[in-house]
Amino acid sequence: MNVPKWPVSTEREMELLQEVLESDKWGGYHPFVPRLEQSFAAFQQSAYALAAVNGTVTLEMALEALGIGPGDEVIVPAISFVATASAVSRVGATPVFVDIEGDTFNIDPECVERAVSNDTKAIVVVHFGGPMADMDRLSKIGADHGLPLIEDAAHAAGSEWNGRRAGSIGIAGSFSFQNSKVMTAGEGGILTTSDPVFLERARSILDQGRKPDGGWFFHYELGTNYRMTALQAAVLLAQLERLPAQNALRERNAQTIRKGVPNIRFQCVPRKASVHTNYLLLGRVPNRDAFQRAVAAEGVPCTPFYPHTLYRNPLYLRGGCLVTPCPVAEACVQDSFWLPHRALLGSEDDAHEIACVLRNAVQ
């Protein structure tokens, strides 16, 4: 089975890294960092971007910039990586876990609406697996209740909702460049926004409380050092150049696999979310564990979903959160699986072969 490795690099990464190494600035003040910020902001249809050390701190930075802290509640989905919720906890607020939709794996707007309280200060929307969540309904909920939406777009570099890119609809979008992501420097993150006031607050937090042109030893806010290095930015500039073509290749191969295995309940992709990364090829099957073992035995990387919902992590079993009924999320833990995006970067013949493996395993 030919499943490409990931990450992928070329001479382009080496060329840009060499330029950094030959300079006298390897940290966050090399010109490659603002170049990445400007290029990625434009790619995601946002006015601004802030490059940071990883996608976890960009979530924390967004919450801090909004002034969210102790006594506040933030609505999050029950299915995501822990950083979606732990960022809320780390600023002293309370994550409120709500259910997901059983077909899209994204946060359920009806559950969000029911979870809003007088203490709710924001909604974190995860674009799970690549296809964006229902930003029409979620934006209306946010507007009706005066709540900012933070897009956790760790899976969604290049994803769209009705022609608008991830990170350009909410107050901010948080992206991850961790080792498995569709753009990667091993670690890294970026925060997008089109709000200049939010940008000023977030940039000061990122850069130890400084202000632009305010002097190196003048600190105006309680900030920290979240700056991305020039070495990370160099790699990511090269990665961004290849991303559109890789997203298109993943989409072609994902469609081949979906059509070849009609008896798997693959993640539903709403019409308005038709452009996306295919970061994960998600599905639901009966006898999931036996299916996963059969697929993996044939050399196709296959993960049996998360072992539990976010609120069943030991961290949250101790408290510090609110949990609404999440029967769909609990069911997905039992019957869902995913293939990583690298499985979609091969040839069309490879995609047909993967479809054959999945078809045989689900029978």
Protein backbone atom coordinates (compact mmCIF):
# COMPACT_ATOMS: atom_id res chain seq x y z
CA MET A 1 0.00 0.00 0.00
CA ASN A 2 1.49 3.31 -1.09
CA VAL A 3 0.58 5.89 1.55
CA PRO A 4 2.78 9.01 1.32
CA LYS A 5 4.75 10.11 4.35
CA TRP A 6 4.14 13.40 6.10
CA PRO A 7 5.51 16.05 6.52
CA VAL A 8 6.71 16.73 2.97
CA SER A 9 9.55 19.13 2.18
CA THR A 10 11.44 20.17 -0.94
CA GLU A 11 14.46 22.28 -1.79
CA ARG A 12 12.24 25.33 -1.29
CA GLU A 13 12.24 24.85 2.50
CA MET A 14 16.01 24.46 2.47
CA GLU A 15 16.42 27.59 0.35
CA LEU A 16 14.40 29.75 2.74
CA LEU A 17 15.94 28.21 5.86
CA GLN A 18 19.41 28.94 4.50
CA GLU A 19 18.43 32.57 4.03
CA VAL A 20 17.46 32.76 7.72
CA LEU A 21 20.59 30.97 8.90
CA GLU A 22 22.79 33.40 6.98
CA SER A 23 21.02 36.38 8.56
CA ASP A 24 21.55 37.96 11.98
CA LYS A 25 17.92 37.47 13.03
CA TRP A 26 16.67 33.94 13.71
CA GLY A 27 13.84 34.98 16.03
CA GLY A 28 10.50 36.65 15.54
CA TYR A 29 11.83 39.92 14.11
CA HIS A 30 13.14 38.48 10.84
CA PRO A 31 11.23 39.79 7.77
CA PHE A 32 9.95 36.26 7.04
CA VAL A 33 7.57 36.46 10.02
CA PRO A 34 5.58 39.51 8.84
CA ARG A 35 5.79 38.13 5.30
CA LEU A 36 4.12 34.94 6.46
CA GLU A 37 1.52 36.93 8.41
CA GLN A 38 0.62 39.04 5.38
CA SER A 39 0.58 36.09 2.97
CA PHE A 40 -1.52 33.87 5.21
CA ALA A 41 -3.96 36.65 6.08
CA ALA A 42 -4.51 37.30 2.38
CA PHE A 43 -4.91 33.57 1.69
CA GLN A 44 -7.55 33.27 4.41
CA GLN A 45 -9.29 36.50 3.33
CA SER A 46 -8.52 38.30 6.60
CA ALA A 47 -7.03 41.74 7.10
CA TYR A 48 -4.39 40.66 9.60
CA ALA A 49 -2.58 37.65 11.03
CA LEU A 50 -0.32 37.07 14.03
CA ALA A 51 2.23 34.26 13.83
CA ALA A 52 2.89 32.40 17.09
CA VAL A 53 4.77 29.41 18.45
CA ASN A 54 1.77 27.05 18.18
CA GLY A 55 -1.97 26.84 17.68
CA THR A 56 -2.73 26.26 21.35
CA VAL A 57 -1.42 29.66 22.41
CA THR A 58 -3.25 31.39 19.54
CA LEU A 59 -6.52 30.17 21.08
CA GLU A 60 -5.44 31.43 24.50
CA MET A 61 -4.32 34.72 22.97
CA ALA A 62 -7.72 35.21 21.31
CA LEU A 63 -9.55 34.64 24.59
CA GLU A 64 -7.20 36.96 26.48
CA ALA A 65 -7.58 39.67 23.85
CA LEU A 66 -11.36 39.50 24.33
CA GLY A 67 -10.91 39.99 28.07
CA ILE A 68 -12.35 36.59 28.96
CA GLY A 69 -11.40 35.23 32.37
CA PRO A 70 -12.67 33.94 35.74
CA GLY A 71 -16.45 33.82 36.07
CA ASP A 72 -16.96 33.68 32.30
CA GLU A 73 -18.29 30.74 30.28
CA VAL A 74 -17.20 29.78 26.77
CA ILE A 75 -19.17 27.27 24.69
CA VAL A 76 -17.04 24.56 23.04
CA PRO A 77 -17.83 21.29 21.23
CA ALA A 78 -17.57 17.98 23.06
CA ILE A 79 -15.41 16.55 20.26
CA SER A 80 -12.08 18.22 19.48
CA PHE A 81 -8.45 18.18 20.58
CA VAL A 82 -8.06 19.16 24.22
CA ALA A 83 -6.58 22.59 23.41
CA THR A 84 -10.02 23.80 22.32
CA ALA A 85 -11.18 23.50 25.91
CA SER A 86 -7.93 23.84 27.84
CA ALA A 87 -7.34 27.28 26.32
CA VAL A 88 -10.58 28.36 27.99
CA SER A 89 -9.50 26.85 31.30
CA ARG A 90 -6.06 28.42 31.14
CA VAL A 91 -7.48 31.94 31.00
CA GLY A 92 -9.57 31.09 34.07
CA ALA A 93 -12.92 30.72 32.31
CA THR A 94 -15.25 27.71 32.26
CA PRO A 95 -15.67 25.57 29.13
CA VAL A 96 -19.28 24.56 28.48
CA PHE A 97 -19.36 21.37 26.43
CA VAL A 98 -22.15 20.95 23.88
CA ASP A 99 -23.00 18.21 21.41
CA ILE A 100 -22.02 17.84 17.77
CA GLU A 101 -24.01 16.95 14.66
CA GLY A 102 -23.92 13.24 13.86
CA ASP A 103 -23.40 13.75 10.13
CA THR A 104 -20.94 16.67 10.00
CA PHE A 105 -19.04 16.03 13.29
CA ASN A 106 -19.22 19.81 13.83
CA ILE A 107 -20.76 21.71 16.75
CA ASP A 108 -24.57 21.62 16.73
CA PRO A 109 -26.00 25.16 16.52
CA GLU A 110 -29.21 24.14 18.33
CA CYS A 111 -27.16 22.86 21.27
CA VAL A 112 -25.14 26.08 21.25
CA GLU A 113 -28.33 28.13 21.44
CA ARG A 114 -29.61 26.15 24.42
CA ALA A 115 -26.30 26.48 26.27
CA VAL A 116 -26.11 30.28 26.18
CA SER A 117 -26.38 31.79 29.68
CA ASN A 118 -25.87 35.19 31.26
CA ASP A 119 -22.25 34.20 31.88
CA THR A 120 -21.49 33.15 28.31
CA LYS A 121 -18.85 35.40 26.77
CA ALA A 122 -17.81 33.58 23.55
CA ILE A 123 -18.34 30.53 21.34
CA VAL A 124 -15.43 28.47 20.03
CA VAL A 125 -16.36 26.88 16.71
CA VAL A 126 -14.20 23.96 15.52
CA HIS A 127 -14.08 23.15 11.80
CA PHE A 128 -13.58 19.46 12.47
CA GLY A 129 -11.73 17.42 9.86
CA GLY A 130 -11.64 20.33 7.41
CA PRO A 131 -15.24 21.16 6.41
CA MET A 132 -16.39 24.32 8.14
CA ALA A 133 -19.19 24.35 10.69
CA ASP A 134 -22.51 26.03 9.86
CA MET A 135 -21.30 29.60 10.06
CA ASP A 136 -24.65 31.03 8.94
CA ARG A 137 -26.54 29.67 11.93
CA LEU A 138 -23.67 30.13 14.37
CA SER A 139 -23.06 33.72 13.30
CA LYS A 140 -26.73 34.50 13.84
CA ILE A 141 -26.61 33.00 17.35
CA GLY A 142 -23.54 35.07 18.10
CA ALA A 143 -25.15 38.24 16.77
CA ASP A 144 -28.44 37.61 18.58
CA HIS A 145 -26.68 37.21 21.93
CA GLY A 146 -23.79 39.63 21.40
CA LEU A 147 -21.22 36.82 21.54
CA PRO A 148 -17.97 36.74 19.56
CA LEU A 149 -17.18 33.60 17.58
CA ILE A 150 -13.61 32.25 17.70
CA GLU A 151 -12.94 29.85 14.85
CA ASP A 152 -10.71 26.94 15.86
CA ALA A 153 -9.48 26.36 12.33
CA ALA A 154 -6.57 24.05 13.15
CA HIS A 155 -7.86 21.64 10.48
CA ALA A 156 -9.01 24.26 8.01
CA ALA A 157 -6.22 26.15 6.21
CA GLY A 158 -7.90 26.90 2.90
CA SER A 159 -11.40 25.74 3.87
CA GLU A 160 -14.39 27.86 2.87
CA TRP A 161 -17.99 28.50 3.90
CA ASN A 162 -20.05 29.96 1.07
CA GLY A 163 -16.92 31.43 -0.52
CA ARG A 164 -15.47 32.89 2.68
CA ARG A 165 -12.31 31.37 4.11
CA ALA A 166 -11.94 29.96 7.60
CA GLY A 167 -10.88 32.56 10.13
CA SER A 168 -12.50 35.43 8.22
CA ILE A 169 -16.04 35.16 9.64
CA GLY A 170 -15.63 35.17 13.42
CA ILE A 171 -13.73 37.76 15.43
CA ALA A 172 -10.65 35.57 14.97
CA GLY A 173 -9.44 32.30 13.52
CA SER A 174 -6.84 30.09 15.22
CA PHE A 175 -4.71 27.86 12.97
CA SER A 176 -2.22 25.15 13.89
CA PHE A 177 0.99 24.21 12.09
CA GLN A 178 1.74 21.20 14.30
CA ASN A 179 3.45 18.21 12.69
CA SER A 180 0.30 16.51 11.35
CA LYS A 181 -1.40 19.63 9.93
CA VAL A 182 -1.79 20.37 6.20
CA MET A 183 0.78 23.17 6.63
CA THR A 184 3.48 22.42 9.15
CA ALA A 185 6.76 23.58 10.61
CA GLY A 186 6.68 20.83 13.23
CA GLU A 187 5.06 23.36 15.53
CA GLY A 188 3.55 26.78 14.95
CA GLY A 189 0.29 28.67 14.86
CA ILE A 190 -1.32 31.81 13.51
CA LEU A 191 -4.27 33.98 14.51
CA THR A 192 -6.31 35.79 11.85
CA THR A 193 -8.63 38.74 12.35
CA SER A 194 -10.02 41.75 10.52
CA ASP A 195 -10.65 43.75 13.70
CA PRO A 196 -7.87 46.33 14.32
CA VAL A 197 -8.72 46.79 18.01
CA PHE A 198 -8.60 43.04 18.63
CA LEU A 199 -5.34 42.87 16.63
CA GLU A 200 -3.69 45.53 18.79
CA ARG A 201 -4.61 43.71 22.01
CA ALA A 202 -3.54 40.31 20.70
CA ARG A 203 -0.23 41.58 19.30
CA SER A 204 0.64 43.19 22.64
CA ILE A 205 -0.09 39.92 24.45
CA LEU A 206 2.06 38.02 21.95
CA ASP A 207 5.00 40.43 22.25
CA GLN A 208 5.39 40.83 26.01
CA GLY A 209 3.02 43.76 26.37
CA ARG A 210 4.79 45.99 23.86
CA LYS A 211 3.11 48.35 21.42
CA PRO A 212 4.23 48.92 17.83
CA ASP A 213 7.01 51.54 17.86
CA GLY A 214 6.65 51.75 21.63
CA GLY A 215 10.22 50.79 22.46
CA TRP A 216 11.83 47.48 23.38
CA PHE A 217 11.84 48.10 27.14
CA PHE A 218 8.34 49.61 27.37
CA HIS A 219 5.60 47.15 28.33
CA TYR A 220 2.01 48.36 28.40
CA GLU A 221 0.07 45.14 29.01
CA LEU A 222 0.60 41.87 30.88
CA GLY A 223 1.89 39.94 27.91
CA THR A 224 4.26 37.08 27.25
CA ASN A 225 6.46 35.78 24.44
CA TYR A 226 4.40 33.83 21.91
CA ARG A 227 6.53 34.94 18.94
CA MET A 228 7.15 32.54 16.05
CA THR A 229 10.78 32.08 15.00
CA ALA A 230 12.09 32.95 11.55
CA LEU A 231 13.01 29.29 11.07
CA GLN A 232 9.37 28.28 11.49
CA ALA A 233 8.23 31.08 9.20
CA ALA A 234 10.67 30.03 6.48
CA VAL A 235 9.31 26.49 6.42
CA LEU A 236 5.71 27.72 6.47
CA LEU A 237 6.21 30.10 3.57
CA ALA A 238 7.28 27.12 1.47
CA GLN A 239 4.40 25.04 2.79
CA LEU A 240 1.87 27.75 1.94
CA GLU A 241 3.07 27.83 -1.67
CA ARG A 242 2.12 24.15 -2.10
CA LEU A 243 -1.06 24.12 -0.03
CA PRO A 244 -3.64 24.93 -2.77
CA ALA A 245 -2.41 22.12 -5.01
CA GLN A 246 -2.29 19.66 -2.09
CA ASN A 247 -5.81 20.59 -1.00
CA ALA A 248 -7.04 19.98 -4.55
CA LEU A 249 -5.28 16.59 -4.71
CA ARG A 250 -6.77 15.52 -1.39
CA GLU A 251 -10.24 16.51 -2.57
CA ARG A 252 -9.91 14.49 -5.78
CA ASN A 253 -8.77 11.38 -3.96
CA ALA A 254 -11.33 11.79 -1.16
CA GLN A 255 -14.11 11.85 -3.74
CA THR A 256 -12.72 8.69 -5.34
CA ILE A 257 -12.75 6.90 -2.01
CA ARG A 258 -16.20 8.16 -1.01
CA LYS A 259 -17.71 7.00 -4.30
CA GLY A 260 -15.96 3.65 -4.03
CA VAL A 261 -17.39 2.80 -0.60
CA PRO A 262 -21.11 3.69 -0.59
CA ASN A 263 -21.86 1.69 2.56
CA ILE A 264 -19.77 3.91 4.87
CA ARG A 265 -21.44 6.96 6.45
CA PHE A 266 -18.73 9.44 5.56
CA GLN A 267 -18.70 12.92 7.07
CA CYS A 268 -21.41 15.01 5.45
CA VAL A 269 -20.00 18.07 3.74
CA PRO A 270 -22.64 20.82 3.43
CA ARG A 271 -22.88 22.51 0.05
CA LYS A 272 -21.58 25.78 1.51
CA ALA A 273 -18.50 23.96 2.91
CA SER A 274 -17.59 22.24 -0.35
CA VAL A 275 -14.05 23.71 -0.42
CA HIS A 276 -11.97 22.28 2.40
CA THR A 277 -8.72 20.57 3.36
CA ASN A 278 -9.83 16.96 3.89
CA TYR A 279 -7.52 17.03 6.91
CA LEU A 280 -9.35 13.91 8.09
CA LEU A 281 -11.45 11.49 6.07
CA LEU A 282 -14.09 10.73 8.67
CA GLY A 283 -16.73 8.03 8.71
CA ARG A 284 -19.07 5.98 10.90
CA VAL A 285 -19.39 2.19 10.64
CA PRO A 286 -20.87 -0.68 12.65
CA ASN A 287 -18.30 -2.89 14.38
CA ARG A 288 -15.84 0.00 14.20
CA ASP A 289 -13.00 -1.67 16.10
CA ALA A 290 -12.94 -4.76 13.88
CA PHE A 291 -13.17 -2.50 10.83
CA GLN A 292 -10.24 -0.38 12.02
CA ARG A 293 -8.06 -3.42 12.67
CA ALA A 294 -8.82 -4.84 9.22
CA VAL A 295 -8.01 -1.56 7.49
CA ALA A 296 -4.77 -1.04 9.41
CA ALA A 297 -3.70 -4.63 8.67
CA GLU A 298 -3.72 -3.74 4.96
CA GLY A 299 -1.33 -0.82 5.50
CA VAL A 300 -3.88 2.00 5.47
CA PRO A 301 -3.46 4.36 8.47
CA CYS A 302 -6.75 4.37 10.33
CA THR A 303 -7.55 5.81 13.76
CA PRO A 304 -10.61 4.66 15.76
CA PHE A 305 -11.63 8.25 16.57
CA TYR A 306 -11.05 9.79 20.00
CA PRO A 307 -11.20 7.36 22.93
CA HIS A 308 -13.61 9.68 24.77
CA THR A 309 -15.31 13.05 24.63
CA LEU A 310 -13.37 16.07 25.84
CA TYR A 311 -15.19 16.24 29.15
CA ARG A 312 -14.20 12.63 29.96
CA ASN A 313 -10.52 13.50 30.01
CA PRO A 314 -9.07 13.12 33.53
CA LEU A 315 -8.53 16.89 33.54
CA TYR A 316 -12.27 17.59 33.32
CA LEU A 317 -13.47 14.62 35.34
CA ARG A 318 -12.04 16.64 38.26
CA GLY A 319 -14.42 19.51 37.44
CA GLY A 320 -13.87 23.02 36.20
CA CYS A 321 -16.36 22.66 33.36
CA LEU A 322 -20.05 22.44 32.54
CA VAL A 323 -21.41 19.54 30.50
CA THR A 324 -24.68 19.56 28.57
CA PRO A 325 -26.17 16.31 27.21
CA CYS A 326 -23.98 15.04 24.35
CA PRO A 327 -25.47 11.74 23.10
CA VAL A 328 -24.21 12.20 19.54
CA ALA A 329 -20.64 12.81 20.65
CA GLU A 330 -20.81 9.75 22.89
CA ALA A 331 -22.08 7.65 19.96
CA CYS A 332 -19.31 8.90 17.65
CA VAL A 333 -16.70 7.75 20.14
CA GLN A 334 -18.08 4.23 19.66
CA ASP A 335 -18.56 4.02 15.88
CA SER A 336 -16.38 6.59 14.12
CA PHE A 337 -12.93 6.47 12.50
CA TRP A 338 -10.65 8.65 10.43
CA LEU A 339 -7.89 8.41 7.86
CA PRO A 340 -5.21 11.15 8.00
CA HIS A 341 -4.82 13.53 5.10
CA ARG A 342 -1.54 11.95 3.97
CA ALA A 343 -3.58 8.94 2.83
CA LEU A 344 -5.14 11.27 0.25
CA LEU A 345 -1.88 12.55 -1.24
CA GLY A 346 -1.14 9.54 -3.45
CA SER A 347 -2.17 8.77 -7.01
CA GLU A 348 -5.69 8.06 -8.23
CA ASP A 349 -4.79 4.37 -8.34
CA ASP A 350 -3.77 4.58 -4.67
CA ALA A 351 -7.15 6.11 -3.85
CA HIS A 352 -8.95 3.27 -5.64
CA GLU A 353 -6.86 0.77 -3.68
CA ILE A 354 -7.73 2.44 -0.37
CA ALA A 355 -11.40 2.36 -1.35
CA CYS A 356 -11.09 -1.38 -2.01
CA VAL A 357 -9.56 -1.93 1.42
CA LEU A 358 -12.33 0.05 3.14
CA ARG A 359 -15.02 -1.73 1.13
CA ASN A 360 -13.72 -5.17 2.06
CA ALA A 361 -13.34 -4.21 5.74
CA VAL A 362 -16.87 -2.89 6.13
CA GLN A 363 -18.60 -5.92 4.58
